[in-house]
Amino acid sequence: MSLWQEFVARSRSLVSEALVDGGLEQLARRTDPSGEAPSLRWILCHMIEEYARHNGHADLLRESVDGFTGE
């Protein structure tokens, strides 16, 4: 199993546990610099946003290499 797959499996396990324990509104154990703890909902939405942003960067790099554009 690759390192990435291990991290995905661990993340899925942690999210599943958090959903059972407190749902999407459960607050994180750690706080942000302002002292607030984000909810699981906020964390998951932020991760989707970050993933989409980096996929967009990868598309731009690929397009600059081969000239093909995505859909």
N, C-alpha and C. Protein backbone atom coordinates (compact mmCIF):
# COMPACT_ATOMS: atom_id res chain seq x y z
N MET A 1 0.86 -1.17 0.00
CA MET A 1 0.00 0.00 0.00
C MET A 1 0.91 1.24 0.00
N SER A 2 0.56 2.20 -0.82
CA SER A 2 1.36 3.42 -0.90
C SER A 2 1.11 4.32 0.31
N LEU A 3 2.01 5.23 0.52
CA LEU A 3 1.87 6.18 1.63
C LEU A 3 0.57 6.97 1.49
N TRP A 4 0.26 7.40 0.27
CA TRP A 4 -0.98 8.16 0.03
C TRP A 4 -2.20 7.32 0.41
N GLN A 5 -2.21 6.04 0.00
CA GLN A 5 -3.34 5.17 0.33
C GLN A 5 -3.48 4.98 1.84
N GLU A 6 -2.34 4.90 2.53
CA GLU A 6 -2.38 4.78 3.99
C GLU A 6 -3.01 6.02 4.62
N PHE A 7 -2.63 7.20 4.12
CA PHE A 7 -3.20 8.44 4.65
C PHE A 7 -4.69 8.53 4.35
N VAL A 8 -5.11 8.11 3.18
CA VAL A 8 -6.54 8.12 2.83
C VAL A 8 -7.31 7.19 3.76
N ALA A 9 -6.79 5.99 3.97
CA ALA A 9 -7.46 5.03 4.85
C ALA A 9 -7.56 5.58 6.28
N ARG A 10 -6.49 6.18 6.76
CA ARG A 10 -6.49 6.76 8.11
C ARG A 10 -7.50 7.91 8.21
N SER A 11 -7.52 8.77 7.20
CA SER A 11 -8.46 9.89 7.19
C SER A 11 -9.90 9.41 7.19
N ARG A 12 -10.18 8.41 6.37
CA ARG A 12 -11.55 7.87 6.32
C ARG A 12 -11.96 7.30 7.67
N SER A 13 -11.03 6.62 8.31
CA SER A 13 -11.32 6.04 9.62
C SER A 13 -11.61 7.14 10.65
N LEU A 14 -10.80 8.18 10.65
CA LEU A 14 -11.00 9.29 11.60
C LEU A 14 -12.31 10.02 11.35
N VAL A 15 -12.65 10.24 10.09
CA VAL A 15 -13.91 10.91 9.77
C VAL A 15 -15.09 10.04 10.20
N SER A 16 -15.02 8.74 9.94
CA SER A 16 -16.09 7.84 10.34
C SER A 16 -16.30 7.87 11.85
N GLU A 17 -15.19 7.83 12.61
CA GLU A 17 -15.28 7.90 14.07
C GLU A 17 -15.91 9.21 14.52
N ALA A 18 -15.49 10.30 13.92
CA ALA A 18 -16.01 11.62 14.30
C ALA A 18 -17.50 11.74 13.99
N LEU A 19 -17.92 11.17 12.87
CA LEU A 19 -19.34 11.22 12.51
C LEU A 19 -20.19 10.46 13.53
N VAL A 20 -19.68 9.32 14.00
CA VAL A 20 -20.41 8.55 15.00
C VAL A 20 -20.43 9.29 16.33
N ASP A 21 -19.30 9.88 16.69
CA ASP A 21 -19.17 10.53 18.00
C ASP A 21 -19.92 11.84 18.12
N GLY A 22 -19.94 12.64 17.04
CA GLY A 22 -20.56 13.96 17.20
C GLY A 22 -21.12 14.57 15.94
N GLY A 23 -21.03 13.87 14.84
CA GLY A 23 -21.58 14.39 13.59
C GLY A 23 -20.73 15.50 12.99
N LEU A 24 -21.29 16.15 11.99
CA LEU A 24 -20.55 17.17 11.25
C LEU A 24 -20.29 18.43 12.06
N GLU A 25 -21.06 18.64 13.12
CA GLU A 25 -20.87 19.85 13.93
C GLU A 25 -19.86 19.65 15.05
N GLN A 26 -19.32 18.44 15.18
CA GLN A 26 -18.30 18.19 16.21
C GLN A 26 -17.11 19.09 15.96
N LEU A 27 -16.59 19.66 17.04
CA LEU A 27 -15.45 20.57 16.93
C LEU A 27 -14.13 19.81 17.01
N ALA A 28 -13.14 20.34 16.33
CA ALA A 28 -11.80 19.74 16.34
C ALA A 28 -11.19 19.87 17.73
N ARG A 29 -10.23 18.99 18.02
CA ARG A 29 -9.53 19.06 19.31
C ARG A 29 -8.56 20.22 19.36
N ARG A 30 -8.04 20.59 18.21
CA ARG A 30 -7.07 21.69 18.15
C ARG A 30 -7.76 22.95 17.64
N THR A 31 -7.23 24.07 18.07
CA THR A 31 -7.81 25.35 17.65
C THR A 31 -6.96 26.00 16.57
N ASP A 32 -7.56 26.94 15.88
CA ASP A 32 -6.82 27.72 14.89
C ASP A 32 -6.10 28.86 15.63
N PRO A 33 -5.32 29.67 14.93
CA PRO A 33 -4.56 30.74 15.60
C PRO A 33 -5.43 31.73 16.40
N SER A 34 -6.70 31.86 16.03
CA SER A 34 -7.58 32.78 16.76
C SER A 34 -8.16 32.15 18.02
N GLY A 35 -7.88 30.85 18.23
CA GLY A 35 -8.39 30.16 19.41
C GLY A 35 -9.69 29.43 19.20
N GLU A 36 -10.22 29.47 17.98
CA GLU A 36 -11.48 28.79 17.68
C GLU A 36 -11.21 27.40 17.11
N ALA A 37 -12.10 26.47 17.41
CA ALA A 37 -11.99 25.11 16.89
C ALA A 37 -12.97 24.96 15.72
N PRO A 38 -12.48 24.57 14.55
CA PRO A 38 -13.38 24.39 13.41
C PRO A 38 -14.21 23.12 13.57
N SER A 39 -15.37 23.11 12.94
CA SER A 39 -16.21 21.91 12.95
C SER A 39 -15.72 20.92 11.90
N LEU A 40 -16.14 19.68 12.05
CA LEU A 40 -15.80 18.66 11.06
C LEU A 40 -16.34 19.07 9.69
N ARG A 41 -17.52 19.68 9.66
CA ARG A 41 -18.10 20.15 8.40
C ARG A 41 -17.16 21.15 7.72
N TRP A 42 -16.65 22.12 8.49
CA TRP A 42 -15.75 23.13 7.94
C TRP A 42 -14.47 22.47 7.42
N ILE A 43 -13.92 21.55 8.20
CA ILE A 43 -12.67 20.88 7.80
C ILE A 43 -12.86 20.13 6.49
N LEU A 44 -13.95 19.37 6.37
CA LEU A 44 -14.18 18.59 5.14
C LEU A 44 -14.41 19.50 3.94
N CYS A 45 -15.19 20.56 4.12
CA CYS A 45 -15.41 21.51 3.01
C CYS A 45 -14.11 22.17 2.59
N HIS A 46 -13.28 22.53 3.57
CA HIS A 46 -11.99 23.16 3.27
C HIS A 46 -11.08 22.19 2.51
N MET A 47 -11.09 20.91 2.91
CA MET A 47 -10.25 19.92 2.22
C MET A 47 -10.70 19.73 0.77
N ILE A 48 -12.01 19.72 0.53
CA ILE A 48 -12.52 19.61 -0.84
C ILE A 48 -12.07 20.82 -1.66
N GLU A 49 -12.18 22.00 -1.06
CA GLU A 49 -11.76 23.23 -1.74
C GLU A 49 -10.27 23.19 -2.08
N GLU A 50 -9.44 22.78 -1.14
CA GLU A 50 -8.00 22.70 -1.38
C GLU A 50 -7.66 21.67 -2.46
N TYR A 51 -8.32 20.52 -2.40
CA TYR A 51 -8.09 19.47 -3.39
C TYR A 51 -8.44 19.99 -4.79
N ALA A 52 -9.57 20.66 -4.91
CA ALA A 52 -10.00 21.21 -6.20
C ALA A 52 -9.01 22.26 -6.71
N ARG A 53 -8.52 23.09 -5.81
CA ARG A 53 -7.57 24.13 -6.20
C ARG A 53 -6.29 23.49 -6.76
N HIS A 54 -5.78 22.48 -6.08
CA HIS A 54 -4.55 21.85 -6.54
C HIS A 54 -4.76 21.04 -7.82
N ASN A 55 -5.94 20.47 -7.99
CA ASN A 55 -6.24 19.79 -9.26
C ASN A 55 -6.23 20.80 -10.39
N GLY A 56 -6.73 21.99 -10.14
CA GLY A 56 -6.71 23.05 -11.15
C GLY A 56 -5.29 23.43 -11.51
N HIS A 57 -4.41 23.49 -10.51
CA HIS A 57 -3.00 23.79 -10.78
C HIS A 57 -2.39 22.70 -11.65
N ALA A 58 -2.70 21.45 -11.35
CA ALA A 58 -2.16 20.34 -12.14
C ALA A 58 -2.65 20.41 -13.58
N ASP A 59 -3.91 20.80 -13.78
CA ASP A 59 -4.44 20.96 -15.14
C ASP A 59 -3.67 22.02 -15.91
N LEU A 60 -3.36 23.13 -15.25
CA LEU A 60 -2.61 24.20 -15.91
C LEU A 60 -1.22 23.74 -16.31
N LEU A 61 -0.57 22.98 -15.44
CA LEU A 61 0.76 22.45 -15.77
C LEU A 61 0.69 21.49 -16.95
N ARG A 62 -0.28 20.58 -16.91
CA ARG A 62 -0.42 19.62 -18.00
C ARG A 62 -0.70 20.34 -19.30
N GLU A 63 -1.59 21.32 -19.27
CA GLU A 63 -1.94 22.07 -20.47
C GLU A 63 -0.71 22.78 -21.04
N SER A 64 0.14 23.31 -20.18
CA SER A 64 1.34 24.00 -20.67
C SER A 64 2.33 23.03 -21.31
N VAL A 65 2.26 21.76 -20.92
CA VAL A 65 3.17 20.75 -21.48
C VAL A 65 2.66 20.23 -22.81
N ASP A 66 1.38 19.85 -22.87
CA ASP A 66 0.89 19.19 -24.09
C ASP A 66 -0.10 20.01 -24.90
N GLY A 67 -0.55 21.15 -24.38
CA GLY A 67 -1.44 22.02 -25.14
C GLY A 67 -2.90 21.63 -25.12
N PHE A 68 -3.22 20.48 -24.54
CA PHE A 68 -4.61 20.04 -24.49
C PHE A 68 -5.32 20.67 -23.29
N THR A 69 -6.57 21.05 -23.50
CA THR A 69 -7.37 21.61 -22.42
C THR A 69 -8.40 20.59 -21.97
N GLY A 70 -8.78 20.68 -20.71
CA GLY A 70 -9.80 19.78 -20.17
C GLY A 70 -11.18 20.26 -20.52
N GLU A 71 -12.16 19.51 -20.07
CA GLU A 71 -13.55 19.86 -20.35
C GLU A 71 -14.01 20.99 -19.48
